Structure formats: structure tokens, C-alpha cells
PDB file of N, CA and C in Angstrom:
ATOM      1  N   MET A   1     -46.478 -37.030  33.444  1.00  0.00           N
ATOM      2  CA  MET A   1     -47.043 -37.961  32.192  1.00  0.00           C
ATOM      3  C   MET A   1     -46.881 -36.376  31.103  1.00  0.00           C
ATOM      4  N   SER A   2     -46.078 -37.255  29.864  1.00  0.00           N
ATOM      5  CA  SER A   2     -45.696 -36.403  28.761  1.00  0.00           C
ATOM      6  C   SER A   2     -47.134 -36.445  27.639  1.00  0.00           C
ATOM      7  N   ASN A   3     -46.841 -35.379  26.967  1.00  0.00           N
ATOM      8  CA  ASN A   3     -48.150 -35.463  26.180  1.00  0.00           C
ATOM      9  C   ASN A   3     -48.027 -36.629  25.390  1.00  0.00           C
ATOM     10  N   ILE A   4     -47.590 -37.474  25.095  1.00  0.00           N
ATOM     11  CA  ILE A   4     -47.618 -38.605  24.274  1.00  0.00           C
ATOM     12  C   ILE A   4     -48.284 -39.531  24.881  1.00  0.00           C
ATOM     13  N   ASP A   5     -48.684 -39.628  26.331  1.00  0.00           N
ATOM     14  CA  ASP A   5     -49.504 -40.225  26.978  1.00  0.00           C
ATOM     15  C   ASP A   5     -50.873 -39.837  26.992  1.00  0.00           C
ATOM     16  N   LYS A   6     -51.254 -38.539  26.664  1.00  0.00           N
ATOM     17  CA  LYS A   6     -52.559 -38.199  26.832  1.00  0.00           C
ATOM     18  C   LYS A   6     -53.345 -38.178  25.670  1.00  0.00           C
ATOM     19  N   THR A   7     -54.770 -38.440  25.492  1.00  0.00           N
ATOM     20  CA  THR A   7     -55.473 -38.630  24.248  1.00  0.00           C
ATOM     21  C   THR A   7     -55.988 -37.693  23.995  1.00  0.00           C
ATOM     22  N   LEU A   8     -55.887 -37.477  22.766  1.00  0.00           N
ATOM     23  CA  LEU A   8     -56.562 -36.093  22.082  1.00  0.00           C
ATOM     24  C   LEU A   8     -57.553 -36.363  21.603  1.00  0.00           C
ATOM     25  N   THR A   9     -58.612 -35.642  21.796  1.00  0.00           N
ATOM     26  CA  THR A   9     -59.760 -35.788  20.688  1.00  0.00           C
ATOM     27  C   THR A   9     -59.830 -34.423  20.033  1.00  0.00           C
ATOM     28  N   PHE A  10     -60.542 -34.504  19.262  1.00  0.00           N
ATOM     29  CA  PHE A  10     -61.178 -33.447  18.101  1.00  0.00           C
ATOM     30  C   PHE A  10     -62.713 -33.542  17.672  1.00  0.00           C
ATOM     31  N   SER A  11     -63.279 -32.742  17.411  1.00  0.00           N
ATOM     32  CA  SER A  11     -64.757 -33.007  17.029  1.00  0.00           C
ATOM     33  C   SER A  11     -65.291 -32.245  15.650  1.00  0.00           C
ATOM     34  N   ILE A  12     -65.693 -32.927  14.820  1.00  0.00           N
ATOM     35  CA  ILE A  12     -65.729 -32.537  13.544  1.00  0.00           C
ATOM     36  C   ILE A  12     -66.784 -31.603  13.560  1.00  0.00           C
ATOM     37  N   VAL A  13     -67.955 -31.507  14.270  1.00  0.00           N
ATOM     38  CA  VAL A  13     -68.802 -30.518  14.793  1.00  0.00           C
ATOM     39  C   VAL A  13     -68.044 -29.112  14.719  1.00  0.00           C
ATOM     40  N   ASP A  14     -67.075 -28.986  15.781  1.00  0.00           N
ATOM     41  CA  ASP A  14     -66.901 -28.089  15.942  1.00  0.00           C
ATOM     42  C   ASP A  14     -65.837 -27.374  14.676  1.00  0.00           C
ATOM     43  N   ASP A  15     -65.334 -28.060  14.004  1.00  0.00           N
ATOM     44  CA  ASP A  15     -64.365 -27.651  12.966  1.00  0.00           C
ATOM     45  C   ASP A  15     -65.445 -27.157  11.821  1.00  0.00           C
ATOM     46  N   LYS A  16     -66.291 -28.055  12.049  1.00  0.00           N
ATOM     47  CA  LYS A  16     -67.556 -27.370  10.723  1.00  0.00           C
ATOM     48  C   LYS A  16     -67.869 -26.355  10.721  1.00  0.00           C
ATOM     49  N   GLU A  17     -68.274 -25.850  12.738  1.00  0.00           N
ATOM     50  CA  GLU A  17     -68.889 -24.649  13.082  1.00  0.00           C
ATOM     51  C   GLU A  17     -67.696 -23.556  12.660  1.00  0.00           C
ATOM     52  N   SER A  18     -66.720 -23.766  13.082  1.00  0.00           N
ATOM     53  CA  SER A  18     -65.479 -22.689  13.076  1.00  0.00           C
ATOM     54  C   SER A  18     -65.309 -22.486  11.294  1.00  0.00           C
ATOM     55  N   GLU A  19     -65.573 -23.310  10.507  1.00  0.00           N
ATOM     56  CA  GLU A  19     -65.404 -22.896   9.096  1.00  0.00           C
ATOM     57  C   GLU A  19     -66.533 -22.038   8.918  1.00  0.00           C
ATOM     58  N   ILE A  20     -67.580 -22.658   9.179  1.00  0.00           N
ATOM     59  CA  ILE A  20     -69.112 -21.358   8.741  1.00  0.00           C
ATOM     60  C   ILE A  20     -69.001 -19.997   9.404  1.00  0.00           C
ATOM     61  N   LYS A  21     -68.344 -20.397  10.606  1.00  0.00           N
ATOM     62  CA  LYS A  21     -68.152 -18.622  11.146  1.00  0.00           C
ATOM     63  C   LYS A  21     -67.214 -18.130  10.364  1.00  0.00           C
ATOM     64  N   THR A  22     -66.177 -18.554   9.816  1.00  0.00           N
ATOM     65  CA  THR A  22     -64.824 -17.829   9.581  1.00  0.00           C
ATOM     66  C   THR A  22     -65.821 -17.592   7.831  1.00  0.00           C
ATOM     67  N   THR A  23     -66.479 -18.589   7.200  1.00  0.00           N
ATOM     68  CA  THR A  23     -66.594 -18.014   5.901  1.00  0.00           C
ATOM     69  C   THR A  23     -67.750 -16.618   6.277  1.00  0.00           C
ATOM     70  N   LEU A  24     -68.813 -16.905   6.971  1.00  0.00           N
ATOM     71  CA  LEU A  24     -69.582 -15.956   7.098  1.00  0.00           C
ATOM     72  C   LEU A  24     -69.309 -14.802   7.502  1.00  0.00           C
ATOM     73  N   MET A  25     -68.139 -14.595   8.111  1.00  0.00           N
ATOM     74  CA  MET A  25     -67.429 -13.350   8.440  1.00  0.00           C
ATOM     75  C   MET A  25     -66.794 -12.417   7.104  1.00  0.00           C
ATOM     76  N   THR A  26     -65.923 -13.411   6.624  1.00  0.00           N
ATOM     77  CA  THR A  26     -65.416 -13.097   5.233  1.00  0.00           C
ATOM     78  C   THR A  26     -66.824 -12.286   4.384  1.00  0.00           C
ATOM     79  N   VAL A  27     -67.748 -13.321   4.173  1.00  0.00           N
ATOM     80  CA  VAL A  27     -68.719 -12.749   3.415  1.00  0.00           C
ATOM     81  C   VAL A  27     -69.512 -11.348   4.132  1.00  0.00           C
ATOM     82  N   TYR A  28     -69.900 -11.277   5.153  1.00  0.00           N
ATOM     83  CA  TYR A  28     -70.223 -10.268   5.952  1.00  0.00           C
ATOM     84  C   TYR A  28     -69.254  -9.077   5.386  1.00  0.00           C
ATOM     85  N   ASN A  29     -67.874  -9.209   5.559  1.00  0.00           N
ATOM     86  CA  ASN A  29     -66.839  -7.978   5.571  1.00  0.00           C
ATOM     87  C   ASN A  29     -66.801  -7.787   4.066  1.00  0.00           C
ATOM     88  N   SER A  30     -67.017  -8.727   3.019  1.00  0.00           N
ATOM     89  CA  SER A  30     -66.718  -8.512   1.910  1.00  0.00           C
ATOM     90  C   SER A  30     -68.120  -7.518   1.216  1.00  0.00           C
ATOM     91  N   LEU A  31     -69.254  -7.955   1.534  1.00  0.00           N
ATOM     92  CA  LEU A  31     -70.772  -7.229   1.427  1.00  0.00           C
ATOM     93  C   LEU A  31     -70.461  -6.118   2.263  1.00  0.00           C
ATOM     94  N   GLU A  32     -70.041  -5.879   3.494  1.00  0.00           N
ATOM     95  CA  GLU A  32     -69.665  -4.254   3.859  1.00  0.00           C
ATOM     96  C   GLU A  32     -68.804  -3.184   3.167  1.00  0.00           C
ATOM     97  N   GLU A  33     -67.762  -3.944   2.651  1.00  0.00           N
ATOM     98  CA  GLU A  33     -66.733  -3.101   1.667  1.00  0.00           C
ATOM     99  C   GLU A  33     -67.390  -2.879   0.459  1.00  0.00           C
ATOM    100  N   LYS A  34     -67.997  -3.553  -0.285  1.00  0.00           N
ATOM    101  CA  LYS A  34     -69.030  -2.976  -1.245  1.00  0.00           C
ATOM    102  C   LYS A  34     -69.797  -2.361  -1.109  1.00  0.00           C
ATOM    103  N   GLY A  35     -70.158  -2.174   0.326  1.00  0.00           N
ATOM    104  CA  GLY A  35     -71.336  -1.064   0.493  1.00  0.00           C
ATOM    105  C   GLY A  35     -72.989  -1.297   0.690  1.00  0.00           C
ATOM    106  N   TYR A  36     -72.839  -2.781   0.716  1.00  0.00           N
ATOM    107  CA  TYR A  36     -74.186  -3.438   0.801  1.00  0.00           C
ATOM    108  C   TYR A  36     -74.486  -3.543   2.476  1.00  0.00           C
ATOM    109  N   ASN A  37     -75.706  -3.906   2.591  1.00  0.00           N
ATOM    110  CA  ASN A  37     -76.249  -4.234   4.146  1.00  0.00           C
ATOM    111  C   ASN A  37     -76.122  -5.715   4.183  1.00  0.00           C
ATOM    112  N   PRO A  38     -74.805  -6.086   4.917  1.00  0.00           N
ATOM    113  CA  PRO A  38     -74.875  -7.491   4.982  1.00  0.00           C
ATOM    114  C   PRO A  38     -75.573  -8.361   5.448  1.00  0.00           C
ATOM    115  N   GLN A  39     -76.624  -7.820   6.403  1.00  0.00           N
ATOM    116  CA  GLN A  39     -77.704  -8.478   6.876  1.00  0.00           C
ATOM    117  C   GLN A  39     -78.550  -8.661   6.136  1.00  0.00           C
ATOM    118  N   ASN A  40     -79.251  -7.996   5.192  1.00  0.00           N
ATOM    119  CA  ASN A  40     -80.036  -7.985   4.336  1.00  0.00           C
ATOM    120  C   ASN A  40     -79.483  -8.818   3.435  1.00  0.00           C
ATOM    121  N   GLN A  41     -78.867  -8.637   2.973  1.00  0.00           N
ATOM    122  CA  GLN A  41     -78.286  -9.963   1.870  1.00  0.00           C
ATOM    123  C   GLN A  41     -77.881 -11.378   2.080  1.00  0.00           C
ATOM    124  N   ILE A  42     -77.444 -11.209   3.176  1.00  0.00           N
ATOM    125  CA  ILE A  42     -77.213 -12.682   3.745  1.00  0.00           C
ATOM    126  C   ILE A  42     -79.008 -13.254   3.913  1.00  0.00           C
ATOM    127  N   VAL A  43     -79.408 -12.630   4.658  1.00  0.00           N
ATOM    128  CA  VAL A  43     -80.620 -13.228   4.900  1.00  0.00           C
ATOM    129  C   VAL A  43     -81.559 -13.464   3.842  1.00  0.00           C
ATOM    130  N   GLY A  44     -81.673 -12.498   2.540  1.00  0.00           N
ATOM    131  CA  GLY A  44     -82.024 -12.782   1.452  1.00  0.00           C
ATOM    132  C   GLY A  44     -81.562 -14.229   0.674  1.00  0.00           C
ATOM    133  N   TYR A  45     -80.183 -14.189   0.503  1.00  0.00           N
ATOM    134  CA  TYR A  45     -79.547 -15.468   0.055  1.00  0.00           C
ATOM    135  C   TYR A  45     -79.926 -17.112   1.050  1.00  0.00           C
ATOM    136  N   ILE A  46     -80.192 -16.554   2.344  1.00  0.00           N
ATOM    137  CA  ILE A  46     -80.872 -17.478   3.256  1.00  0.00           C
ATOM    138  C   ILE A  46     -82.167 -18.105   2.608  1.00  0.00           C
ATOM    139  N   LEU A  47     -83.059 -17.310   2.624  1.00  0.00           N
ATOM    140  CA  LEU A  47     -84.102 -17.408   2.093  1.00  0.00           C
ATOM    141  C   LEU A  47     -84.437 -17.637   0.768  1.00  0.00           C
ATOM    142  N   SER A  48     -83.582 -17.313   0.007  1.00  0.00           N
ATOM    143  CA  SER A  48     -84.022 -17.503  -1.528  1.00  0.00           C
ATOM    144  C   SER A  48     -83.087 -18.725  -1.700  1.00  0.00           C
ATOM    145  N   GLY A  49     -81.588 -18.722  -1.768  1.00  0.00           N
ATOM    146  CA  GLY A  49     -80.860 -19.813  -2.130  1.00  0.00           C
ATOM    147  C   GLY A  49     -80.267 -18.906  -3.345  1.00  0.00           C
ATOM    148  N   ASP A  50     -80.736 -17.646  -3.538  1.00  0.00           N
ATOM    149  CA  ASP A  50     -80.260 -17.249  -4.662  1.00  0.00           C
ATOM    150  C   ASP A  50     -78.907 -16.528  -4.572  1.00  0.00           C
ATOM    151  N   PRO A  51     -77.669 -16.900  -4.973  1.00  0.00           N
ATOM    152  CA  PRO A  51     -76.090 -16.347  -4.921  1.00  0.00           C
ATOM    153  C   PRO A  51     -76.095 -15.069  -5.187  1.00  0.00           C
ATOM    154  N   THR A  52     -77.096 -14.457  -6.267  1.00  0.00           N
ATOM    155  CA  THR A  52     -76.672 -13.289  -6.574  1.00  0.00           C
ATOM    156  C   THR A  52     -77.034 -12.210  -5.530  1.00  0.00           C
ATOM    157  N   TYR A  53     -77.487 -12.628  -4.278  1.00  0.00           N
ATOM    158  CA  TYR A  53     -77.367 -11.691  -3.229  1.00  0.00           C
ATOM    159  C   TYR A  53     -76.143 -11.367  -2.679  1.00  0.00           C
ATOM    160  N   ILE A  54     -75.160 -12.203  -3.060  1.00  0.00           N
ATOM    161  CA  ILE A  54     -73.631 -12.424  -1.942  1.00  0.00           C
ATOM    162  C   ILE A  54     -72.914 -11.693  -3.269  1.00  0.00           C
ATOM    163  N   THR A  55     -71.869 -10.923  -2.982  1.00  0.00           N
ATOM    164  CA  THR A  55     -70.872 -10.182  -3.851  1.00  0.00           C
ATOM    165  C   THR A  55     -69.754 -11.207  -4.225  1.00  0.00           C
ATOM    166  N   ASN A  56     -69.084 -11.348  -5.579  1.00  0.00           N
ATOM    167  CA  ASN A  56     -68.056 -11.928  -5.918  1.00  0.00           C
ATOM    168  C   ASN A  56     -66.729 -11.525  -5.128  1.00  0.00           C
ATOM    169  N   HIS A  57     -67.203 -10.002  -4.821  1.00  0.00           N
ATOM    170  CA  HIS A  57     -65.824  -9.559  -4.305  1.00  0.00           C
ATOM    171  C   HIS A  57     -65.019 -10.693  -2.761  1.00  0.00           C
ATOM    172  N   ASN A  58     -63.754 -10.457  -3.208  1.00  0.00           N
ATOM    173  CA  ASN A  58     -62.994 -11.421  -2.363  1.00  0.00           C
ATOM    174  C   ASN A  58     -63.393 -13.208  -2.082  1.00  0.00           C
ATOM    175  N   ASN A  59     -64.224 -13.344  -3.261  1.00  0.00           N
ATOM    176  CA  ASN A  59     -64.542 -14.593  -3.549  1.00  0.00           C
ATOM    177  C   ASN A  59     -65.870 -15.210  -2.687  1.00  0.00           C
ATOM    178  N   ALA A  60     -66.595 -14.242  -2.071  1.00  0.00           N
ATOM    179  CA  ALA A  60     -67.506 -14.418  -0.981  1.00  0.00           C
ATOM    180  C   ALA A  60     -68.464 -15.038  -1.589  1.00  0.00           C
ATOM    181  N   ARG A  61     -69.171 -15.108  -2.954  1.00  0.00           N
ATOM    182  CA  ARG A  61     -69.916 -16.035  -3.200  1.00  0.00           C
ATOM    183  C   ARG A  61     -69.792 -17.340  -3.275  1.00  0.00           C
ATOM    184  N   SER A  62     -68.788 -17.605  -4.170  1.00  0.00           N
ATOM    185  CA  SER A  62     -68.047 -19.017  -3.869  1.00  0.00           C
ATOM    186  C   SER A  62     -68.025 -19.747  -2.709  1.00  0.00           C
ATOM    187  N   LEU A  63     -67.598 -18.829  -1.673  1.00  0.00           N
ATOM    188  CA  LEU A  63     -67.373 -19.542  -0.370  1.00  0.00           C
ATOM    189  C   LEU A  63     -68.720 -19.689   0.038  1.00  0.00           C
ATOM    190  N   ILE A  64     -69.643 -18.815   0.166  1.00  0.00           N
ATOM    191  CA  ILE A  64     -70.942 -19.072   0.991  1.00  0.00           C
ATOM    192  C   ILE A  64     -72.020 -20.048  -0.061  1.00  0.00           C
ATOM    193  N   CYS A  65     -71.356 -20.174  -0.990  1.00  0.00           N
ATOM    194  CA  CYS A  65     -72.311 -21.528  -1.823  1.00  0.00           C
ATOM    195  C   CYS A  65     -71.273 -23.070  -1.350  1.00  0.00           C
ATOM    196  N   LYS A  66     -70.454 -23.019  -1.165  1.00  0.00           N
ATOM    197  CA  LYS A  66     -69.847 -24.323  -0.142  1.00  0.00           C
ATOM    198  C   LYS A  66     -70.463 -24.631   0.665  1.00  0.00           C
ATOM    199  N   ILE A  67     -71.210 -23.588   1.492  1.00  0.00           N
ATOM    200  CA  ILE A  67     -72.260 -24.050   2.940  1.00  0.00           C
ATOM    201  C   ILE A  67     -73.538 -24.550   2.616  1.00  0.00           C
ATOM    202  N   ASP A  68     -73.762 -25.656   3.233  1.00  0.00           N
ATOM    203  CA  ASP A  68     -75.266 -25.963   2.734  1.00  0.00           C
ATOM    204  C   ASP A  68     -76.030 -25.043   3.888  1.00  0.00           C
ATOM    205  N   ARG A  69     -77.054 -24.468   3.357  1.00  0.00           N
ATOM    206  CA  ARG A  69     -78.065 -23.348   3.763  1.00  0.00           C
ATOM    207  C   ARG A  69     -78.419 -23.800   5.203  1.00  0.00           C
ATOM    208  N   ASP A  70     -78.791 -25.136   5.237  1.00  0.00           N
ATOM    209  CA  ASP A  70     -79.530 -25.721   6.290  1.00  0.00           C
ATOM    210  C   ASP A  70     -78.434 -25.704   7.570  1.00  0.00           C
ATOM    211  N   ASP A  71     -77.484 -26.069   6.952  1.00  0.00           N
ATOM    212  CA  ASP A  71     -75.954 -25.801   8.299  1.00  0.00           C
ATOM    213  C   ASP A  71     -76.011 -24.831   8.659  1.00  0.00           C
ATOM    214  N   LEU A  72     -76.206 -23.443   7.660  1.00  0.00           N
ATOM    215  CA  LEU A  72     -76.154 -22.115   8.564  1.00  0.00           C
ATOM    216  C   LEU A  72     -77.114 -21.284   8.868  1.00  0.00           C
ATOM    217  N   LEU A  73     -78.488 -21.915   8.531  1.00  0.00           N
ATOM    218  CA  LEU A  73     -78.957 -21.254   9.416  1.00  0.00           C
ATOM    219  C   LEU A  73     -79.298 -22.217  10.497  1.00  0.00           C
ATOM    220  N   GLY A  74     -78.877 -23.583  11.070  1.00  0.00           N
ATOM    221  CA  GLY A  74     -79.200 -23.885  12.047  1.00  0.00           C
ATOM    222  C   GLY A  74     -77.752 -23.514  13.379  1.00  0.00           C
ATOM    223  N   LEU A  75     -76.758 -23.261  12.417  1.00  0.00           N
ATOM    224  CA  LEU A  75     -76.265 -22.655  13.724  1.00  0.00           C
ATOM    225  C   LEU A  75     -76.150 -21.064  13.368  1.00  0.00           C
ATOM    226  N   LEU A  76     -77.024 -20.236  12.752  1.00  0.00           N
ATOM    227  CA  LEU A  76     -77.160 -19.321  13.265  1.00  0.00           C
ATOM    228  C   LEU A  76     -78.139 -19.230  14.512  1.00  0.00           C
ATOM    229  N   LEU A  77     -78.990 -19.848  14.612  1.00  0.00           N
ATOM    230  CA  LEU A  77     -80.496 -20.208  15.387  1.00  0.00           C
ATOM    231  C   LEU A  77     -79.726 -20.869  16.517  1.00  0.00           C
ATOM    232  N   LYS A  78     -78.588 -21.639  16.716  1.00  0.00           N
ATOM    233  CA  LYS A  78     -77.827 -22.065  17.899  1.00  0.00           C
ATOM    234  C   LYS A  78     -77.191 -21.063  18.630  1.00  0.00           C
ATOM    235  N   TYR A  79     -76.572 -19.792  17.844  1.00  0.00           N
ATOM    236  CA  TYR A  79     -76.055 -18.821  18.193  1.00  0.00           C
ATOM    237  C   TYR A  79     -77.180 -18.034  18.741  1.00  0.00           C
ATOM    238  N   TYR A  80     -78.320 -17.481  18.303  1.00  0.00           N
ATOM    239  CA  TYR A  80     -78.952 -16.676  18.654  1.00  0.00           C
ATOM    240  C   TYR A  80     -79.743 -17.235  19.873  1.00  0.00           C
ATOM    241  N   LEU A  81     -79.641 -18.707  19.847  1.00  0.00           N
ATOM    242  CA  LEU A  81     -80.931 -19.048  21.255  1.00  0.00           C
ATOM    243  C   LEU A  81     -79.503 -19.197  22.211  1.00  0.00           C
ATOM    244  N   GLY A  82     -78.501 -19.486  21.925  1.00  0.00           N
ATOM    245  CA  GLY A  82     -77.381 -19.359  23.108  1.00  0.00           C
ATOM    246  C   GLY A  82     -77.113 -21.115  23.526  1.00  0.00           C
ATOM    247  N   VAL A  83     -77.631 -21.895  22.493  1.00  0.00           N
ATOM    248  CA  VAL A  83     -77.577 -23.289  23.339  1.00  0.00           C
ATOM    249  C   VAL A  83     -76.448 -23.887  22.161  1.00  0.00           C
TER     250      VAL A  83
END
């Protein structure tokens, strides 16, 4: 059977999760590079919605603002619980 005969599938959810993870890692690394505690800063942003918790370094603030905070929190909870 050639590859042309196979049905390919994709998941928008998986793509969205991958994008959030990549963005979160970029933000985390940017905060760390600037000498901040990334965990505290990201938690501050999630709880307050105030983007000034996130540095502008490497465009991190703009990147994290493109992600819905509810989606970010849901994904973090999913990974924490392992579900």
C-alpha cells in the first residue's frame, strides 16, 4: 500500500497544545535569561492577567498574550494531573 492510499489525520487540539508549550518554553527561557524567577512571573501573569509580569525580551510578552489564559491554565492542569 502506498502512502497515497492511507488516510492522514491531524488534530487541531494537538497543534494548539504544541503551540502553547512552545510559547511557554520561550517565555520561561526569556524570563530566566533576564534573571527573573520564571515560575513566579508566569503564575503572577496567569492569576492577574497583567502582562507586565512577562518580560519583553525575545518578544515573550507579545507571545504569551496571544494565548488565552484559560487555555494555558487548562493545559498546565492537564500535564500536572497526567490526563
